Amino acid sequence: MKLEDLGYTETFEKFRIENNSENFEVGRVIEENKERYIVRTENNEYEAEVTGNMRYNANGREDFPAVGDWVFLTAVDNDFAVIHRLFPRFSKIQRHQAGKSSDVQIIAANIDYALIVTAADRDFNLNRIERYLTICYTSKVEPIIVLTKTDLISENLTSEIMDSIKQRLESVNAISVSNETKSGYIDLIKIFQKGKTYCLLGSSGVGKSTLLNNLSGKEIMKTDTISKSTERGRHITTRRELILLEGGGLLIDNPGMREVGITDDKTGISETFDNIISLSNKCKFRDCKHTNEIGCAVLAAIESGELEKGSYDNFMKMERERIHYEESSSERKRKEKIFGKILKDYNKKDIKGRRGIN
């Protein structure tokens, strides 16, 4: 296998040469499980962990490898290696970690396309899809919506759902498929390109693992039915893993996400809701909040039917979340800076509190 088959590009090779790293092997992280990694190189596959120096110098979770990362490593034996350094990422899909005020969870790195998988029978929700779109646009990853389980609903209802996607999200490519009958798979397979990396995003139980099994032609991931008691999907996929497909594309499955927290610098939201942003430029007041202001072009568009009320409500909710995340992140950085100064001052003193002698 060549590194190019795993997505290695001239940009990565240029970085390797410029950093005089000929003494290291180059590999890609294909699996992550609690800071233990499986790394695929041109000639081997290793279980790996980061060096103590890399761990010590890490400022946060983003400095550790994620599935999809390219790394410099040294083999200890035929089965084990240590990771010394990451290549720069050209993209990374991340989200606000559930239950944390400002922590970021990296889902996958160096992704070209994200398949936003949603089920037609129970999971379909345009608001949730817009959240995934925001994650993709923030991450500089091109989204593709995949509507699954179309065999469980009528053709007319499938058409209605696809029309609603095109009406509200007209710039996003959308494909409808059935994992049971394989309807729509011809169009789906066409999107995969050799050397390009794709990531599956979606809630538990929408058919991501079945989709991966069908595309790979083998039983890679376990599958299960929806819980009858909660009508929610069970978390069958418990780790992230990169799979090389027969056609040459690379596909990463992910555990289902019940919470889709955004970590946005406004870019992703602006691109997801570009129609609302365009309308806001026509508002009478530059600082219009789009709530009850006179001359608000956004509210006028809702009144006339040009803009969906549901999309507007979702935009306002996500904007509040973004602002809250920015404030939480800013506060965390402020506290870290204060702690850093305290630690620096402490290190200048001896254990009795007296200033050290230079």
Protein backbone atom coordinates (compact mmCIF):
# COMPACT_ATOMS: atom_id res chain seq x y z
CA MET A 1 0.00 0.00 0.00
CA LYS A 2 1.24 3.48 -0.88
CA LEU A 3 0.83 6.44 1.45
CA GLU A 4 -1.15 8.16 -1.32
CA ASP A 5 -3.78 5.43 -0.95
CA LEU A 6 -4.27 6.67 2.62
CA GLY A 7 -4.65 10.28 1.53
CA TYR A 8 -1.02 11.45 1.67
CA THR A 9 -0.49 14.54 -0.49
CA GLU A 10 2.34 16.69 -1.84
CA THR A 11 1.59 19.24 0.88
CA PHE A 12 2.32 16.68 3.60
CA GLU A 13 5.48 15.55 1.80
CA LYS A 14 6.69 19.14 1.51
CA PHE A 15 6.22 19.60 5.25
CA ARG A 16 8.18 16.41 5.95
CA ILE A 17 11.11 17.51 3.80
CA GLU A 18 11.17 21.06 5.18
CA ASN A 19 11.32 19.71 8.74
CA ASN A 20 14.20 17.30 8.09
CA SER A 21 12.20 14.33 9.34
CA GLU A 22 13.72 11.62 7.15
CA ASN A 23 14.64 9.57 10.25
CA PHE A 24 10.97 9.10 11.18
CA GLU A 25 8.35 6.87 9.61
CA VAL A 26 5.19 8.52 8.35
CA GLY A 27 1.79 7.04 9.13
CA ARG A 28 -1.88 7.85 9.49
CA VAL A 29 -3.95 7.26 12.61
CA ILE A 30 -6.71 4.86 11.61
CA GLU A 31 -8.09 4.11 15.07
CA GLU A 32 -8.23 5.84 18.44
CA ASN A 33 -9.29 4.37 21.75
CA LYS A 34 -8.52 6.20 25.00
CA GLU A 35 -5.18 7.66 23.89
CA ARG A 36 -4.03 4.38 22.36
CA TYR A 37 -3.78 4.46 18.60
CA ILE A 38 -3.50 2.22 15.57
CA VAL A 39 -1.27 3.81 12.93
CA ARG A 40 -1.02 2.59 9.32
CA THR A 41 2.23 3.16 7.47
CA GLU A 42 3.27 2.20 3.96
CA ASN A 43 4.47 -1.23 5.07
CA ASN A 44 3.01 -1.95 8.48
CA GLU A 45 0.34 -1.33 11.09
CA TYR A 46 1.33 -0.41 14.63
CA GLU A 47 -0.27 0.02 17.98
CA ALA A 48 1.11 3.34 19.19
CA GLU A 49 1.18 5.93 21.93
CA VAL A 50 2.58 9.46 22.12
CA THR A 51 5.98 10.23 23.63
CA GLY A 52 6.22 11.59 27.14
CA ASN A 53 7.60 14.85 25.76
CA MET A 54 4.63 15.25 23.43
CA ARG A 55 2.24 14.58 26.28
CA TYR A 56 4.02 17.05 28.58
CA ASN A 57 3.99 19.87 26.02
CA ALA A 58 0.35 19.41 25.03
CA ASN A 59 -1.80 22.43 25.83
CA GLY A 60 -5.06 20.53 25.43
CA ARG A 61 -6.87 17.67 23.73
CA GLU A 62 -6.30 19.23 20.31
CA ASP A 63 -2.56 18.58 20.61
CA PHE A 64 -3.10 14.81 20.77
CA PRO A 65 -3.66 12.61 17.70
CA ALA A 66 -7.14 11.99 16.35
CA VAL A 67 -8.34 9.54 13.71
CA GLY A 68 -7.25 10.88 10.33
CA ASP A 69 -4.10 12.59 11.63
CA TRP A 70 -0.77 12.13 9.87
CA VAL A 71 2.08 11.55 12.34
CA PHE A 72 5.84 11.08 12.60
CA LEU A 73 6.62 7.87 14.48
CA THR A 74 9.41 5.47 15.41
CA ALA A 75 8.89 1.71 15.51
CA VAL A 76 9.91 0.03 18.79
CA ASP A 77 9.27 -3.45 17.36
CA ASN A 78 7.14 -5.02 14.64
CA ASP A 79 3.89 -4.26 16.48
CA PHE A 80 4.48 -1.14 18.57
CA ALA A 81 5.60 2.44 17.83
CA VAL A 82 5.78 5.84 19.49
CA ILE A 83 4.33 9.03 17.98
CA HIS A 84 6.63 12.05 18.10
CA ARG A 85 4.73 14.75 16.25
CA LEU A 86 1.61 15.58 14.25
CA PHE A 87 1.54 16.93 10.72
CA PRO A 88 -0.43 20.20 10.37
CA ARG A 89 -4.14 19.46 9.82
CA PHE A 90 -5.85 20.92 6.78
CA SER A 91 -9.21 20.33 8.45
CA LYS A 92 -10.60 18.99 11.71
CA ILE A 93 -14.17 18.22 12.64
CA GLN A 94 -14.82 19.19 16.23
CA ARG A 95 -17.73 19.92 18.52
CA HIS A 96 -18.44 21.33 21.95
CA GLN A 97 -18.01 18.35 24.29
CA ALA A 98 -21.26 17.33 25.97
CA GLY A 99 -21.52 18.47 29.59
CA LYS A 100 -18.49 20.78 29.40
CA SER A 101 -18.68 24.55 29.27
CA SER A 102 -15.86 25.11 26.79
CA ASP A 103 -14.04 21.83 26.15
CA VAL A 104 -13.60 20.81 22.52
CA GLN A 105 -13.81 17.25 21.23
CA ILE A 106 -12.02 16.45 17.98
CA ILE A 107 -14.07 13.96 15.97
CA ALA A 108 -11.68 13.45 13.06
CA ALA A 109 -8.82 15.21 11.24
CA ASN A 110 -7.85 15.83 7.62
CA ILE A 111 -11.36 15.22 6.30
CA ASP A 112 -12.44 16.22 2.78
CA TYR A 113 -16.18 15.42 2.98
CA ALA A 114 -18.66 14.75 5.79
CA LEU A 115 -21.71 12.56 5.21
CA ILE A 116 -24.49 13.89 7.43
CA VAL A 117 -26.60 10.77 7.90
CA THR A 118 -30.23 11.15 8.97
CA ALA A 119 -33.03 8.58 9.03
CA ALA A 120 -36.27 9.21 7.16
CA ASP A 121 -38.49 7.25 9.54
CA ARG A 122 -37.90 9.00 12.88
CA ASP A 123 -34.68 11.00 13.05
CA PHE A 124 -35.27 13.54 10.30
CA ASN A 125 -34.88 17.05 11.68
CA LEU A 126 -33.79 20.04 9.61
CA ASN A 127 -32.64 21.96 12.68
CA ARG A 128 -30.23 19.18 13.62
CA ILE A 129 -28.95 18.98 10.05
CA GLU A 130 -28.20 22.71 10.18
CA ARG A 131 -26.16 22.10 13.32
CA TYR A 132 -24.09 19.48 11.53
CA LEU A 133 -23.68 21.84 8.58
CA THR A 134 -22.31 24.50 10.93
CA ILE A 135 -19.77 22.02 12.30
CA CYS A 136 -18.73 21.15 8.72
CA TYR A 137 -18.39 24.73 7.52
CA THR A 138 -16.44 25.71 10.64
CA SER A 139 -14.16 22.73 9.97
CA LYS A 140 -13.72 23.59 6.26
CA VAL A 141 -15.23 20.25 5.27
CA GLU A 142 -17.74 19.85 2.44
CA PRO A 143 -21.05 18.37 3.67
CA ILE A 144 -23.25 15.82 1.90
CA ILE A 145 -26.64 14.89 3.36
CA VAL A 146 -27.56 11.20 3.23
CA LEU A 147 -31.19 10.32 3.98
CA THR A 148 -31.41 6.65 5.04
CA LYS A 149 -34.16 4.12 5.76
CA THR A 150 -36.30 5.27 2.83
CA ASP A 151 -37.64 1.70 2.57
CA LEU A 152 -39.64 2.37 5.76
CA ILE A 153 -41.66 5.22 4.26
CA SER A 154 -43.54 5.79 1.01
CA GLU A 155 -41.94 7.18 -2.14
CA ASN A 156 -44.17 10.26 -1.87
CA LEU A 157 -42.99 10.97 1.68
CA THR A 158 -39.37 10.46 0.61
CA SER A 159 -39.88 13.02 -2.16
CA GLU A 160 -41.47 15.46 0.29
CA ILE A 161 -38.52 15.15 2.69
CA MET A 162 -35.97 15.60 -0.10
CA ASP A 163 -37.90 18.65 -1.35
CA SER A 164 -37.84 20.17 2.15
CA ILE A 165 -34.07 19.70 2.27
CA LYS A 166 -33.57 21.33 -1.13
CA GLN A 167 -35.90 24.20 -0.26
CA ARG A 168 -34.18 25.07 3.02
CA LEU A 169 -30.64 23.90 2.21
CA GLU A 170 -30.52 24.37 -1.54
CA SER A 171 -26.73 24.62 -1.83
CA VAL A 172 -26.07 21.25 -0.14
CA ASN A 173 -25.87 17.98 -2.08
CA ALA A 174 -28.42 15.44 -0.74
CA ILE A 175 -28.87 11.73 -1.54
CA SER A 176 -31.62 9.35 -0.40
CA VAL A 177 -30.77 5.66 0.13
CA SER A 178 -32.07 2.43 1.60
CA ASN A 179 -29.57 0.23 3.40
CA GLU A 180 -31.94 -2.71 2.92
CA THR A 181 -32.81 -2.50 -0.79
CA LYS A 182 -29.61 -0.57 -1.77
CA SER A 183 -31.79 1.96 -3.56
CA GLY A 184 -29.76 5.15 -4.16
CA TYR A 185 -26.41 3.41 -3.68
CA ILE A 186 -25.36 3.99 -7.30
CA ASP A 187 -25.48 7.76 -6.71
CA LEU A 188 -23.87 7.42 -3.29
CA ILE A 189 -20.90 5.38 -4.51
CA LYS A 190 -20.18 7.99 -7.19
CA ILE A 191 -19.22 10.60 -4.59
CA PHE A 192 -16.24 8.59 -3.30
CA GLN A 193 -12.88 9.51 -4.81
CA LYS A 194 -9.58 7.69 -4.42
CA GLY A 195 -7.38 9.22 -1.73
CA LYS A 196 -10.17 11.42 -0.36
CA THR A 197 -11.35 11.05 3.25
CA TYR A 198 -15.01 10.99 4.27
CA CYS A 199 -16.51 11.09 7.77
CA LEU A 200 -19.93 9.86 8.89
CA LEU A 201 -21.86 12.20 11.17
CA GLY A 202 -25.26 11.54 12.71
CA SER A 203 -27.25 10.33 15.69
CA SER A 204 -27.26 6.76 16.96
CA GLY A 205 -29.57 4.43 15.08
CA VAL A 206 -29.70 6.31 11.77
CA GLY A 207 -27.87 3.54 9.89
CA LYS A 208 -24.26 4.78 9.80
CA SER A 209 -22.71 1.42 10.66
CA THR A 210 -24.93 -0.45 8.18
CA LEU A 211 -24.00 2.14 5.57
CA LEU A 212 -20.31 1.53 6.25
CA ASN A 213 -20.73 -2.23 6.10
CA ASN A 214 -22.54 -2.01 2.77
CA LEU A 215 -19.97 0.36 1.26
CA SER A 216 -17.03 -1.75 2.43
CA GLY A 217 -18.61 -5.03 1.41
CA LYS A 218 -17.92 -6.65 4.78
CA GLU A 219 -19.14 -6.69 8.37
CA ILE A 220 -16.85 -4.06 9.88
CA MET A 221 -19.24 -2.51 12.39
CA LYS A 222 -21.87 -4.13 14.58
CA THR A 223 -25.43 -3.02 13.94
CA ASP A 224 -28.53 -3.02 16.12
CA THR A 225 -32.14 -1.97 16.11
CA ILE A 226 -33.75 1.05 17.75
CA SER A 227 -34.49 0.68 21.46
CA LYS A 228 -38.21 -0.05 21.82
CA SER A 229 -38.39 1.59 25.24
CA THR A 230 -36.80 4.93 24.31
CA GLU A 231 -37.13 4.90 20.52
CA ARG A 232 -33.51 6.07 20.42
CA GLY A 233 -30.57 4.46 18.75
CA ARG A 234 -28.15 2.44 20.83
CA HIS A 235 -24.49 3.44 20.74
CA ILE A 236 -23.14 0.42 18.86
CA THR A 237 -20.06 2.16 17.47
CA THR A 238 -17.85 2.96 20.47
CA ARG A 239 -14.64 4.06 18.75
CA ARG A 240 -13.53 6.01 15.72
CA GLU A 241 -11.95 4.07 12.88
CA LEU A 242 -10.77 4.84 9.36
CA ILE A 243 -11.65 2.25 6.70
CA LEU A 244 -10.13 2.00 3.23
CA LEU A 245 -12.92 1.26 0.73
CA GLU A 246 -12.44 -0.91 -2.36
CA GLY A 247 -12.99 2.08 -4.64
CA GLY A 248 -10.11 3.94 -3.01
CA GLY A 249 -11.97 6.37 -0.74
CA LEU A 250 -11.39 6.42 3.01
CA LEU A 251 -14.35 6.44 5.40
CA ILE A 252 -14.48 7.16 9.14
CA ASP A 253 -17.37 5.98 11.27
CA ASN A 254 -18.15 7.73 14.55
CA PRO A 255 -20.17 7.01 17.68
CA GLY A 256 -23.62 8.57 17.38
CA MET A 257 -24.06 12.05 18.82
CA ARG A 258 -27.18 12.89 20.82
CA GLU A 259 -25.91 16.40 21.50
CA VAL A 260 -24.48 18.48 18.68
CA GLY A 261 -22.66 21.30 20.43
CA ILE A 262 -21.07 23.87 18.14
CA THR A 263 -17.66 25.51 18.59
CA ASP A 264 -17.91 28.29 16.07
CA ASP A 265 -16.04 31.48 15.30
CA LYS A 266 -19.13 32.74 13.42
CA THR A 267 -17.84 31.49 10.05
CA GLY A 268 -19.78 28.22 10.13
CA ILE A 269 -23.05 29.80 11.23
CA SER A 270 -22.69 32.51 8.58
CA GLU A 271 -22.26 29.93 5.83
CA THR A 272 -25.06 27.67 7.08
CA PHE A 273 -27.49 30.59 7.32
CA ASP A 274 -26.10 32.63 4.42
CA ASN A 275 -29.63 33.67 3.43
CA ILE A 276 -30.24 35.21 6.86
CA ILE A 277 -26.85 36.93 6.79
CA SER A 278 -27.68 38.38 3.36
CA LEU A 279 -31.02 39.64 4.63
CA SER A 280 -29.40 41.20 7.72
CA ASN A 281 -27.33 43.45 5.46
CA LYS A 282 -30.62 45.09 4.41
CA CYS A 283 -31.73 45.84 7.97
CA LYS A 284 -32.30 49.51 8.83
CA PHE A 285 -29.88 49.39 11.76
CA ARG A 286 -26.40 47.93 11.51
CA ASP A 287 -26.59 46.45 15.04
CA CYS A 288 -30.03 44.91 14.46
CA LYS A 289 -30.65 41.88 16.71
CA HIS A 290 -33.51 40.58 14.53
CA THR A 291 -35.93 40.36 17.44
CA ASN A 292 -38.39 43.28 17.32
CA GLU A 293 -36.50 46.15 15.67
CA ILE A 294 -38.22 48.46 13.18
CA GLY A 295 -36.88 47.98 9.67
CA CYS A 296 -35.53 44.45 10.29
CA ALA A 297 -35.25 42.74 6.90
CA VAL A 298 -35.03 39.30 8.53
CA LEU A 299 -38.35 39.66 10.36
CA ALA A 300 -39.92 41.09 7.20
CA ALA A 301 -38.77 38.03 5.24
CA ILE A 302 -40.44 35.75 7.79
CA GLU A 303 -43.64 37.76 7.54
CA SER A 304 -43.68 37.54 3.74
CA GLY A 305 -42.86 33.80 3.70
CA GLU A 306 -39.46 34.31 2.06
CA LEU A 307 -37.71 32.90 5.15
CA GLU A 308 -38.79 29.83 7.15
CA LYS A 309 -39.60 30.58 10.77
CA GLY A 310 -37.97 27.28 11.79
CA SER A 311 -34.67 28.24 10.19
CA TYR A 312 -34.77 31.66 11.86
CA ASP A 313 -35.45 30.12 15.30
CA ASN A 314 -32.57 27.68 14.84
CA PHE A 315 -30.24 30.50 13.76
CA MET A 316 -31.08 32.58 16.84
CA LYS A 317 -30.62 29.60 19.17
CA MET A 318 -27.24 28.69 17.70
CA GLU A 319 -26.08 32.32 17.83
CA ARG A 320 -26.85 32.38 21.57
CA GLU A 321 -24.88 29.14 22.00
CA ARG A 322 -21.95 30.53 20.02
CA ILE A 323 -21.80 33.67 22.15
CA HIS A 324 -22.03 31.59 25.34
CA TYR A 325 -19.23 29.31 24.12
CA GLU A 326 -17.01 32.29 23.26
CA GLU A 327 -17.57 33.78 26.72
CA SER A 328 -16.86 30.44 28.43
CA SER A 329 -13.74 29.90 26.34
CA SER A 330 -12.51 33.43 27.03
CA GLU A 331 -13.01 32.97 30.77
CA ARG A 332 -11.15 29.65 30.70
CA LYS A 333 -8.20 31.25 28.88
CA ARG A 334 -8.18 34.13 31.39
CA LYS A 335 -7.98 31.71 34.33
CA GLU A 336 -5.26 29.66 32.60
CA LYS A 337 -3.24 32.85 32.10
CA ILE A 338 -3.56 33.77 35.78
CA PHE A 339 -2.57 30.25 36.84
CA GLY A 340 0.40 30.36 34.47
CA LYS A 341 1.65 33.57 36.09
CA ILE A 342 1.26 32.06 39.56
CA LEU A 343 3.17 28.95 38.52
CA LYS A 344 5.91 31.00 36.88
CA ASP A 345 6.32 33.10 40.01
CA TYR A 346 6.34 30.00 42.20
CA ASN A 347 9.12 28.42 40.13
CA LYS A 348 11.28 31.50 40.78
CA LYS A 349 11.13 30.87 44.54
CA ASP A 350 12.72 28.15 46.65
CA ILE A 351 10.59 25.80 48.77
CA LYS A 352 10.72 28.22 51.76
CA GLY A 353 9.19 31.01 49.73
CA ARG A 354 12.42 33.01 49.36
CA ARG A 355 13.62 34.25 46.00
CA GLY A 356 16.04 31.87 44.33
CA ILE A 357 19.63 32.97 43.82
CA ASN A 358 20.56 33.53 40.15
